[in-house]
Structure formats: structure tokens, C-alpha cells
């Protein structure tokens, strides 16, 4: 009798884990170019990167997940530097014609068959566009407009799929 209950409980747990699995897109994105521009006393200062941050030629990971409640989490992070996050956002999304859209107080996420956009409250934007099959290229624009600094970072990427549930995510909203 105890064995039956254990078997029933373990089967239920396995089934619930299978049903609650997340769909995921994971891309390896190579930084193809980057510029940091800072205004200092009215004069531009131009750098190739921030000190201690990613540089041209580095690989970053773009991770895009959908959970059961139709929430999308998207982030671009530098796994070589203790998973330093470049941009991240999370929003519940809804199907709108041929795309998924969602926004919260601090994040806008847009996904279509060929585009992914993450726009955050801190004036950071990541846009990835498909250019061939599962190859994407993209641009990141980050701004630091604080009291003591005025600067922007622009980086471009070439991304290749590592894990591809992209079509399944789009179909799950039908």
C-alpha cells in the first residue's frame, strides 16, 4: 500500500514538472563593435569599452524564457565576468496579430518571428533581428544620464542559437 502511494506521488511530481517546464531561447552573441561616448565639460570622450566590462570580440549570452503564466524573461549577460547583466527585463506578454507584446512599469518586450526587443526603464534597449535562418544580429544602446555623468554605450552583436524553442514560444500563444 505504501509503495502504491509513493508511486502515485512520484508520478504526479514528474508529470507536474514536465507540464511546468519553461520554453527557452539561448543565443551566443559575439560583440562585433562597441563604442562608449561620454560628455566631459562639453567635450566628447570616446572609449572602446567600459573598464572591467565586455569588449569587442567577447561572447555574451542572450536568454529568453517563457514560463507557464505567459511571462517572458529576457536578459543579456556576460558569463565571463561573473554573469554580469547587461540588460534584463520581465513582462507578461499577450498575442497581438503576429507578435507578442508586453509591458510593465519598467520593461517593454516585443517578440515576432524575426525580431526581439527589450526596452527597460533605465533607457537601455536591446534589439535582435533574424537575418538568416536562426542567425540574429543586434544592437544594444545603454545610457547613463546621472547627475555626475552623461554617457552612452552602443554595442553590436552577431548571435547564434544554442537552444531554440523560439517557434514553440510563438505557437504557445495561438
N, C-alpha and C. Protein backbone atom coordinates (compact mmCIF):
# COMPACT_ATOMS: atom_id res chain seq x y z
N UNK A 1 0.82 -1.19 0.00
CA UNK A 1 0.00 0.00 0.00
C UNK A 1 0.86 1.26 0.00
N UNK A 2 1.91 1.27 0.81
CA UNK A 2 2.81 2.41 0.88
C UNK A 2 3.52 2.58 -0.46
N UNK A 3 3.91 1.48 -1.06
CA UNK A 3 4.58 1.55 -2.37
C UNK A 3 3.67 2.16 -3.42
N UNK A 4 2.38 1.84 -3.37
CA UNK A 4 1.43 2.40 -4.31
C UNK A 4 1.34 3.92 -4.16
N UNK A 5 1.27 4.39 -2.90
CA UNK A 5 1.20 5.83 -2.63
C UNK A 5 2.48 6.52 -3.09
N UNK A 6 3.62 5.92 -2.83
CA UNK A 6 4.89 6.51 -3.27
C UNK A 6 4.96 6.58 -4.79
N UNK A 7 4.50 5.52 -5.45
CA UNK A 7 4.49 5.51 -6.90
C UNK A 7 3.54 6.59 -7.44
N UNK A 8 2.37 6.73 -6.84
CA UNK A 8 1.40 7.73 -7.26
C UNK A 8 1.95 9.14 -7.05
N UNK A 9 2.57 9.39 -5.91
CA UNK A 9 3.12 10.72 -5.61
C UNK A 9 4.27 11.03 -6.55
N UNK A 10 5.18 10.10 -6.76
CA UNK A 10 6.33 10.36 -7.63
C UNK A 10 5.88 10.57 -9.08
N UNK A 11 4.88 9.82 -9.54
CA UNK A 11 4.36 10.01 -10.89
C UNK A 11 3.72 11.38 -11.02
N UNK A 12 2.99 11.82 -10.01
CA UNK A 12 2.37 13.14 -10.04
C UNK A 12 3.42 14.24 -10.07
N UNK A 13 4.47 14.09 -9.29
CA UNK A 13 5.54 15.09 -9.27
C UNK A 13 6.25 15.18 -10.62
N UNK A 14 6.54 14.03 -11.21
CA UNK A 14 7.20 14.02 -12.52
C UNK A 14 6.30 14.66 -13.57
N UNK A 15 5.01 14.33 -13.55
CA UNK A 15 4.07 14.91 -14.52
C UNK A 15 3.96 16.41 -14.35
N UNK A 16 3.90 16.90 -13.10
CA UNK A 16 3.77 18.34 -12.88
C UNK A 16 5.03 19.07 -13.30
N UNK A 17 6.20 18.46 -13.12
CA UNK A 17 7.44 19.09 -13.56
C UNK A 17 7.49 19.16 -15.08
N UNK A 18 7.03 18.13 -15.74
CA UNK A 18 7.03 18.12 -17.20
C UNK A 18 6.08 19.19 -17.74
N UNK A 19 4.93 19.36 -17.11
CA UNK A 19 3.97 20.35 -17.56
C UNK A 19 4.43 21.77 -17.27
N UNK A 20 5.24 21.97 -16.23
CA UNK A 20 5.63 23.32 -15.86
C UNK A 20 6.99 23.72 -16.43
N UNK A 21 7.46 22.97 -17.42
CA UNK A 21 8.77 23.30 -17.98
C UNK A 21 8.69 24.61 -18.75
N UNK A 22 9.78 25.34 -18.73
CA UNK A 22 9.85 26.61 -19.43
C UNK A 22 10.35 26.39 -20.84
N UNK A 23 9.83 27.17 -21.75
CA UNK A 23 10.38 27.22 -23.10
C UNK A 23 11.50 28.24 -23.08
N UNK A 24 12.54 28.00 -23.88
CA UNK A 24 13.72 28.85 -23.77
C UNK A 24 14.40 29.05 -25.11
N UNK A 25 14.90 30.26 -25.30
CA UNK A 25 15.78 30.58 -26.41
C UNK A 25 17.09 31.03 -25.78
N UNK A 26 18.18 30.43 -26.24
CA UNK A 26 19.50 30.81 -25.72
C UNK A 26 20.40 31.03 -26.93
N UNK A 27 21.04 32.21 -26.97
CA UNK A 27 21.93 32.54 -28.08
C UNK A 27 23.29 32.95 -27.56
N UNK A 28 24.31 32.56 -28.31
CA UNK A 28 25.67 33.03 -28.06
C UNK A 28 25.88 34.24 -28.97
N UNK A 29 26.09 35.41 -28.35
CA UNK A 29 26.21 36.66 -29.10
C UNK A 29 27.63 37.20 -29.01
N UNK A 30 28.29 37.31 -30.15
CA UNK A 30 29.64 37.86 -30.21
C UNK A 30 29.54 39.37 -30.40
N UNK A 31 30.27 40.12 -29.58
CA UNK A 31 30.29 41.57 -29.70
C UNK A 31 31.13 41.91 -30.93
N UNK A 32 30.50 42.53 -31.94
CA UNK A 32 31.21 42.84 -33.19
C UNK A 32 31.78 44.25 -33.20
N UNK A 33 31.22 45.14 -32.39
CA UNK A 33 31.75 46.50 -32.27
C UNK A 33 31.13 47.14 -31.03
N UNK A 34 31.84 48.11 -30.49
CA UNK A 34 31.33 48.80 -29.32
C UNK A 34 31.97 50.18 -29.20
N UNK A 35 31.18 51.14 -28.76
CA UNK A 35 31.67 52.49 -28.51
C UNK A 35 30.99 53.03 -27.26
N UNK A 36 31.77 53.67 -26.41
CA UNK A 36 31.25 54.38 -25.25
C UNK A 36 31.59 55.84 -25.45
N UNK A 37 30.58 56.71 -25.36
CA UNK A 37 30.78 58.15 -25.54
C UNK A 37 30.36 58.84 -24.25
N UNK A 38 31.23 59.69 -23.76
CA UNK A 38 30.96 60.44 -22.53
C UNK A 38 31.17 61.92 -22.83
N UNK A 39 30.31 62.75 -22.29
CA UNK A 39 30.48 64.20 -22.39
C UNK A 39 31.16 64.68 -21.12
N UNK A 40 32.29 65.36 -21.29
CA UNK A 40 33.04 65.88 -20.14
C UNK A 40 33.36 67.35 -20.41
N UNK A 41 32.72 68.21 -19.65
CA UNK A 41 32.90 69.66 -19.83
C UNK A 41 32.65 70.09 -21.27
N UNK A 42 31.63 69.52 -21.88
CA UNK A 42 31.25 69.90 -23.23
C UNK A 42 32.06 69.27 -24.33
N UNK A 43 33.01 68.42 -23.98
CA UNK A 43 33.86 67.76 -24.97
C UNK A 43 33.60 66.26 -24.95
N UNK A 44 33.55 65.63 -26.14
CA UNK A 44 33.32 64.19 -26.17
C UNK A 44 34.57 63.41 -25.79
N UNK A 45 34.36 62.35 -25.03
CA UNK A 45 35.41 61.37 -24.75
C UNK A 45 34.89 60.05 -25.29
N UNK A 46 35.68 59.39 -26.14
CA UNK A 46 35.23 58.17 -26.79
C UNK A 46 36.15 57.02 -26.37
N UNK A 47 35.51 55.92 -25.95
CA UNK A 47 36.23 54.74 -25.47
C UNK A 47 35.74 53.52 -26.22
N UNK A 48 36.56 52.47 -26.22
CA UNK A 48 36.17 51.24 -26.90
C UNK A 48 35.34 50.33 -25.99
N UNK A 49 35.36 50.56 -24.67
CA UNK A 49 34.54 49.78 -23.73
C UNK A 49 34.65 50.40 -22.35
N UNK A 50 33.82 49.91 -21.45
CA UNK A 50 33.97 50.26 -20.04
C UNK A 50 35.06 49.38 -19.44
N UNK A 51 35.80 49.93 -18.50
CA UNK A 51 36.82 49.14 -17.82
C UNK A 51 36.14 48.03 -17.01
N UNK A 52 36.63 46.80 -17.17
CA UNK A 52 36.09 45.67 -16.43
C UNK A 52 34.80 45.10 -17.01
N UNK A 53 34.42 45.56 -18.20
CA UNK A 53 33.18 45.08 -18.83
C UNK A 53 33.52 44.42 -20.17
N UNK A 54 32.50 43.94 -20.87
CA UNK A 54 32.73 43.23 -22.12
C UNK A 54 33.37 44.14 -23.16
N UNK A 55 34.08 43.49 -24.09
CA UNK A 55 34.82 44.18 -25.14
C UNK A 55 34.47 43.58 -26.49
N UNK A 56 34.84 44.26 -27.55
CA UNK A 56 34.66 43.73 -28.90
C UNK A 56 35.36 42.37 -29.00
N UNK A 57 34.66 41.39 -29.53
CA UNK A 57 35.18 40.02 -29.65
C UNK A 57 34.71 39.10 -28.54
N UNK A 58 34.21 39.65 -27.43
CA UNK A 58 33.71 38.82 -26.34
C UNK A 58 32.38 38.16 -26.71
N UNK A 59 32.08 37.07 -26.04
CA UNK A 59 30.79 36.38 -26.20
C UNK A 59 29.90 36.68 -25.02
N UNK A 60 28.66 37.04 -25.30
CA UNK A 60 27.63 37.24 -24.29
C UNK A 60 26.53 36.23 -24.56
N UNK A 61 25.73 35.95 -23.56
CA UNK A 61 24.61 35.03 -23.72
C UNK A 61 23.30 35.81 -23.65
N UNK A 62 22.44 35.59 -24.65
CA UNK A 62 21.09 36.14 -24.61
C UNK A 62 20.17 34.98 -24.22
N UNK A 63 19.39 35.18 -23.17
CA UNK A 63 18.48 34.16 -22.67
C UNK A 63 17.07 34.74 -22.66
N UNK A 64 16.16 33.96 -23.21
CA UNK A 64 14.77 34.39 -23.35
C UNK A 64 13.91 33.20 -22.96
N UNK A 65 13.14 33.34 -21.87
CA UNK A 65 12.35 32.22 -21.35
C UNK A 65 10.88 32.61 -21.23
N UNK A 66 10.03 31.61 -21.45
CA UNK A 66 8.60 31.78 -21.21
C UNK A 66 8.18 30.81 -20.13
N UNK A 67 7.56 31.31 -19.08
CA UNK A 67 7.06 30.44 -18.03
C UNK A 67 5.59 30.13 -18.28
N UNK A 68 5.03 29.26 -17.46
CA UNK A 68 3.65 28.80 -17.64
C UNK A 68 2.62 29.92 -17.63
N UNK A 69 2.88 30.98 -16.88
CA UNK A 69 1.88 32.06 -16.79
C UNK A 69 2.04 33.09 -17.90
N UNK A 70 2.75 32.71 -18.98
CA UNK A 70 2.95 33.55 -20.16
C UNK A 70 3.79 34.79 -19.86
N UNK A 71 4.64 34.67 -18.85
CA UNK A 71 5.60 35.72 -18.56
C UNK A 71 6.88 35.44 -19.34
N UNK A 72 7.43 36.47 -19.94
CA UNK A 72 8.67 36.36 -20.67
C UNK A 72 9.77 37.04 -19.85
N UNK A 73 10.87 36.33 -19.66
CA UNK A 73 12.07 36.90 -19.04
C UNK A 73 13.13 36.95 -20.14
N UNK A 74 13.77 38.10 -20.27
CA UNK A 74 14.81 38.25 -21.28
C UNK A 74 16.01 38.93 -20.65
N UNK A 75 17.20 38.40 -20.94
CA UNK A 75 18.40 39.05 -20.41
C UNK A 75 19.59 38.77 -21.31
N UNK A 76 20.49 39.71 -21.31
CA UNK A 76 21.77 39.58 -21.98
C UNK A 76 22.82 39.68 -20.90
N UNK A 77 23.65 38.65 -20.77
CA UNK A 77 24.63 38.68 -19.68
C UNK A 77 25.99 38.20 -20.14
N UNK A 78 26.99 38.61 -19.38
CA UNK A 78 28.38 38.31 -19.65
C UNK A 78 28.82 37.19 -18.72
N UNK A 79 28.81 35.96 -19.21
CA UNK A 79 29.14 34.82 -18.35
C UNK A 79 30.63 34.75 -18.03
N UNK A 80 31.46 35.49 -18.74
CA UNK A 80 32.90 35.51 -18.45
C UNK A 80 33.25 36.39 -17.25
N UNK A 81 32.35 37.27 -16.88
CA UNK A 81 32.59 38.19 -15.77
C UNK A 81 31.51 38.02 -14.71
N UNK A 82 31.46 36.83 -14.12
CA UNK A 82 30.52 36.53 -13.04
C UNK A 82 29.08 36.85 -13.40
N UNK A 83 28.70 36.52 -14.63
CA UNK A 83 27.31 36.68 -15.08
C UNK A 83 26.83 38.12 -14.94
N UNK A 84 27.71 39.07 -15.22
CA UNK A 84 27.37 40.49 -15.17
C UNK A 84 26.24 40.74 -16.18
N UNK A 85 25.14 41.29 -15.70
CA UNK A 85 23.98 41.50 -16.56
C UNK A 85 24.14 42.81 -17.33
N UNK A 86 23.93 42.73 -18.63
CA UNK A 86 23.98 43.90 -19.49
C UNK A 86 22.59 44.53 -19.53
N UNK A 87 21.57 43.72 -19.76
CA UNK A 87 20.18 44.19 -19.77
C UNK A 87 19.29 43.02 -19.37
N UNK A 88 18.24 43.30 -18.62
CA UNK A 88 17.26 42.25 -18.32
C UNK A 88 15.89 42.88 -18.13
N UNK A 89 14.88 42.08 -18.41
CA UNK A 89 13.51 42.54 -18.26
C UNK A 89 12.58 41.36 -18.16
N UNK A 90 11.41 41.61 -17.60
CA UNK A 90 10.41 40.57 -17.45
C UNK A 90 9.03 41.21 -17.60
N UNK A 91 8.15 40.53 -18.33
CA UNK A 91 6.81 41.06 -18.53
C UNK A 91 5.88 39.93 -18.93
N UNK A 92 4.65 40.04 -18.53
CA UNK A 92 3.62 39.15 -19.03
C UNK A 92 3.26 39.63 -20.42
N UNK A 93 3.23 38.73 -21.39
CA UNK A 93 3.01 39.13 -22.77
C UNK A 93 1.69 38.57 -23.30
N UNK A 94 1.20 39.22 -24.34
CA UNK A 94 -0.06 38.85 -24.98
C UNK A 94 0.14 38.84 -26.48
N UNK A 95 -0.59 37.96 -27.15
CA UNK A 95 -0.52 37.89 -28.61
C UNK A 95 -1.24 39.09 -29.20
N UNK A 96 -0.58 39.73 -30.17
CA UNK A 96 -1.15 40.88 -30.87
C UNK A 96 -0.86 40.69 -32.35
N UNK A 97 -1.82 40.22 -33.10
CA UNK A 97 -1.65 39.85 -34.50
C UNK A 97 -0.52 38.83 -34.63
N UNK A 98 0.60 39.17 -35.24
CA UNK A 98 1.68 38.21 -35.45
C UNK A 98 2.85 38.40 -34.48
N UNK A 99 2.60 39.04 -33.36
CA UNK A 99 3.70 39.29 -32.42
C UNK A 99 3.22 39.12 -30.99
N UNK A 100 4.18 39.09 -30.08
CA UNK A 100 3.90 39.06 -28.66
C UNK A 100 4.35 40.40 -28.09
N UNK A 101 3.52 41.00 -27.25
CA UNK A 101 3.87 42.28 -26.66
C UNK A 101 3.52 42.26 -25.18
N UNK A 102 4.34 42.92 -24.42
CA UNK A 102 4.07 43.04 -23.00
C UNK A 102 4.83 44.21 -22.42
N UNK A 103 4.27 44.80 -21.39
CA UNK A 103 4.99 45.88 -20.73
C UNK A 103 4.60 45.93 -19.26
N UNK A 104 5.54 46.39 -18.47
CA UNK A 104 5.32 46.65 -17.05
C UNK A 104 5.79 48.08 -16.81
N UNK A 105 5.87 48.47 -15.56
CA UNK A 105 6.34 49.82 -15.27
C UNK A 105 7.79 50.03 -15.70
N UNK A 106 8.56 48.96 -15.81
CA UNK A 106 9.97 49.14 -16.12
C UNK A 106 10.48 48.38 -17.34
N UNK A 107 9.63 47.66 -18.06
CA UNK A 107 10.11 46.87 -19.18
C UNK A 107 9.06 46.80 -20.29
N UNK A 108 9.53 46.90 -21.52
CA UNK A 108 8.71 46.63 -22.70
C UNK A 108 9.38 45.48 -23.44
N UNK A 109 8.61 44.46 -23.77
CA UNK A 109 9.13 43.32 -24.53
C UNK A 109 8.25 43.13 -25.77
N UNK A 110 8.92 42.98 -26.90
CA UNK A 110 8.24 42.74 -28.17
C UNK A 110 8.94 41.56 -28.85
N UNK A 111 8.15 40.62 -29.32
CA UNK A 111 8.71 39.44 -29.99
C UNK A 111 7.86 39.13 -31.22
N UNK A 112 8.51 38.98 -32.34
CA UNK A 112 7.85 38.50 -33.55
C UNK A 112 8.72 37.39 -34.14
N UNK A 113 8.32 36.89 -35.28
CA UNK A 113 9.06 35.79 -35.89
C UNK A 113 10.52 36.17 -36.16
N UNK A 114 10.76 37.44 -36.44
CA UNK A 114 12.11 37.86 -36.84
C UNK A 114 12.74 38.91 -35.93
N UNK A 115 12.07 39.32 -34.86
CA UNK A 115 12.60 40.39 -34.01
C UNK A 115 12.34 40.12 -32.53
N UNK A 116 13.29 40.57 -31.72
CA UNK A 116 13.12 40.58 -30.26
C UNK A 116 13.60 41.95 -29.79
N UNK A 117 12.77 42.63 -29.01
CA UNK A 117 13.14 43.94 -28.46
C UNK A 117 12.91 43.92 -26.96
N UNK A 118 13.90 44.36 -26.20
CA UNK A 118 13.78 44.54 -24.75
C UNK A 118 14.16 45.99 -24.48
N UNK A 119 13.22 46.73 -23.90
CA UNK A 119 13.43 48.15 -23.60
C UNK A 119 13.14 48.35 -22.12
N UNK A 120 14.09 48.88 -21.37
CA UNK A 120 13.95 48.98 -19.92
C UNK A 120 13.85 50.42 -19.45
N UNK A 121 13.42 50.57 -18.20
CA UNK A 121 13.19 51.88 -17.59
C UNK A 121 14.45 52.73 -17.51
N UNK A 122 15.62 52.10 -17.49
CA UNK A 122 16.86 52.86 -17.34
C UNK A 122 17.43 53.30 -18.69
N UNK A 123 16.58 53.36 -19.70
CA UNK A 123 16.95 53.82 -21.03
C UNK A 123 17.91 52.88 -21.74
N UNK A 124 17.83 51.59 -21.45
CA UNK A 124 18.62 50.59 -22.16
C UNK A 124 17.71 49.83 -23.12
N UNK A 125 18.22 49.60 -24.32
CA UNK A 125 17.44 48.90 -25.33
C UNK A 125 18.30 47.84 -26.00
N UNK A 126 17.73 46.67 -26.20
CA UNK A 126 18.37 45.60 -26.97
C UNK A 126 17.41 45.22 -28.08
N UNK A 127 17.89 45.23 -29.31
CA UNK A 127 17.08 44.78 -30.44
C UNK A 127 17.86 43.72 -31.21
N UNK A 128 17.25 42.56 -31.39
CA UNK A 128 17.82 41.47 -32.17
C UNK A 128 16.91 41.19 -33.35
N UNK A 129 17.49 41.02 -34.54
CA UNK A 129 16.72 40.72 -35.75
C UNK A 129 17.33 39.53 -36.46
N UNK A 130 16.45 38.66 -36.95
CA UNK A 130 16.89 37.48 -37.70
C UNK A 130 17.37 37.94 -39.08
N UNK A 131 18.53 37.43 -39.49
CA UNK A 131 18.99 37.75 -40.83
C UNK A 131 19.19 36.51 -41.69
N UNK A 132 19.27 35.32 -41.07
CA UNK A 132 19.37 34.09 -41.85
C UNK A 132 19.01 32.93 -40.95
N UNK A 133 17.98 32.18 -41.31
CA UNK A 133 17.51 31.03 -40.53
C UNK A 133 17.49 31.35 -39.04
N UNK A 134 18.40 30.77 -38.25
CA UNK A 134 18.43 31.03 -36.81
C UNK A 134 19.57 31.93 -36.39
N UNK A 135 20.08 32.73 -37.32
CA UNK A 135 21.13 33.69 -37.01
C UNK A 135 20.50 35.07 -36.83
N UNK A 136 20.89 35.73 -35.75
CA UNK A 136 20.37 37.06 -35.45
C UNK A 136 21.53 38.03 -35.34
N UNK A 137 21.27 39.27 -35.64
CA UNK A 137 22.22 40.34 -35.36
C UNK A 137 21.48 41.36 -34.52
N UNK A 138 22.23 42.17 -33.79
CA UNK A 138 21.54 43.09 -32.92
C UNK A 138 22.37 44.26 -32.48
N UNK A 139 21.70 45.12 -31.73
CA UNK A 139 22.33 46.32 -31.19
C UNK A 139 21.83 46.54 -29.77
N UNK A 140 22.74 46.98 -28.92
CA UNK A 140 22.41 47.36 -27.55
C UNK A 140 22.76 48.83 -27.41
N UNK A 141 21.84 49.60 -26.85
CA UNK A 141 22.09 51.01 -26.56
C UNK A 141 21.80 51.23 -25.09
N UNK A 142 22.80 51.64 -24.35
CA UNK A 142 22.64 51.91 -22.93
C UNK A 142 23.03 53.34 -22.62
N UNK A 143 22.25 54.00 -21.79
CA UNK A 143 22.54 55.38 -21.44
C UNK A 143 22.74 55.52 -19.94
N UNK A 144 23.69 56.32 -19.57
CA UNK A 144 23.92 56.67 -18.17
C UNK A 144 23.77 58.18 -18.08
N UNK A 145 22.60 58.62 -17.66
CA UNK A 145 22.34 60.05 -17.62
C UNK A 145 22.12 60.49 -16.18
N UNK A 146 23.10 60.25 -15.34
CA UNK A 146 23.01 60.61 -13.93
C UNK A 146 23.42 62.04 -13.69
N UNK A 147 23.43 62.43 -12.43
CA UNK A 147 23.81 63.80 -12.08
C UNK A 147 25.26 64.10 -12.40
N UNK A 148 26.12 63.11 -12.28
CA UNK A 148 27.54 63.36 -12.48
C UNK A 148 28.10 62.80 -13.77
N UNK A 149 27.28 62.17 -14.58
CA UNK A 149 27.80 61.64 -15.83
C UNK A 149 26.74 61.69 -16.92
N UNK A 150 27.21 61.89 -18.13
CA UNK A 150 26.37 61.87 -19.32
C UNK A 150 27.12 61.00 -20.31
N UNK A 151 26.63 59.76 -20.51
CA UNK A 151 27.33 58.85 -21.41
C UNK A 151 26.38 57.83 -22.00
N UNK A 152 26.80 57.29 -23.13
CA UNK A 152 26.05 56.23 -23.81
C UNK A 152 27.00 55.15 -24.29
N UNK A 153 26.47 53.94 -24.33
CA UNK A 153 27.21 52.78 -24.83
C UNK A 153 26.40 52.18 -25.96
N UNK A 154 27.07 51.91 -27.07
CA UNK A 154 26.44 51.25 -28.20
C UNK A 154 27.29 50.03 -28.55
N UNK A 155 26.64 48.87 -28.64
CA UNK A 155 27.35 47.64 -28.99
C UNK A 155 26.53 46.89 -30.02
N UNK A 156 27.22 46.26 -30.98
CA UNK A 156 26.54 45.44 -31.98
C UNK A 156 26.94 43.98 -31.77
N UNK A 157 26.06 43.06 -32.21
CA UNK A 157 26.24 41.63 -31.94
C UNK A 157 25.92 40.80 -33.17
N UNK A 158 26.54 39.64 -33.22
CA UNK A 158 26.18 38.58 -34.15
C UNK A 158 25.87 37.36 -33.28
N UNK A 159 24.64 36.85 -33.36
CA UNK A 159 24.17 35.82 -32.42
C UNK A 159 23.82 34.52 -33.13
N UNK A 160 24.17 33.41 -32.48
CA UNK A 160 23.86 32.07 -32.96
C UNK A 160 23.08 31.31 -31.89
N UNK A 161 22.08 30.56 -32.33
CA UNK A 161 21.25 29.79 -31.41
C UNK A 161 22.05 28.68 -30.73
N UNK A 162 21.82 28.53 -29.43
CA UNK A 162 22.34 27.41 -28.65
C UNK A 162 21.18 26.48 -28.32
N UNK A 163 20.07 27.08 -27.89
CA UNK A 163 18.83 26.33 -27.59
C UNK A 163 17.71 27.10 -28.25
N UNK A 164 16.87 26.40 -29.02
CA UNK A 164 15.89 27.08 -29.85
C UNK A 164 14.48 26.56 -29.64
N UNK A 165 13.74 27.21 -28.73
CA UNK A 165 12.30 26.96 -28.58
C UNK A 165 11.52 28.16 -29.13
N UNK A 166 12.15 28.94 -30.00
CA UNK A 166 11.57 30.19 -30.49
C UNK A 166 10.19 29.98 -31.11
N UNK A 167 10.09 29.05 -32.06
CA UNK A 167 8.81 28.80 -32.71
C UNK A 167 7.76 28.28 -31.73
N UNK A 168 8.19 27.43 -30.77
CA UNK A 168 7.26 26.90 -29.77
C UNK A 168 6.70 28.01 -28.88
N UNK A 169 7.54 28.99 -28.57
CA UNK A 169 7.06 30.11 -27.75
C UNK A 169 5.99 30.89 -28.52
N UNK A 170 6.26 31.20 -29.77
CA UNK A 170 5.28 31.94 -30.57
C UNK A 170 3.99 31.13 -30.75
N UNK A 171 4.10 29.82 -30.98
CA UNK A 171 2.92 28.97 -31.18
C UNK A 171 2.12 28.79 -29.89
N UNK A 172 2.78 28.87 -28.74
CA UNK A 172 2.07 28.64 -27.49
C UNK A 172 1.03 29.70 -27.19
N UNK A 173 1.04 30.81 -27.93
CA UNK A 173 0.07 31.88 -27.71
C UNK A 173 -1.11 31.79 -28.67
N UNK A 174 -1.08 30.82 -29.57
CA UNK A 174 -2.21 30.66 -30.51
C UNK A 174 -3.44 30.13 -29.84
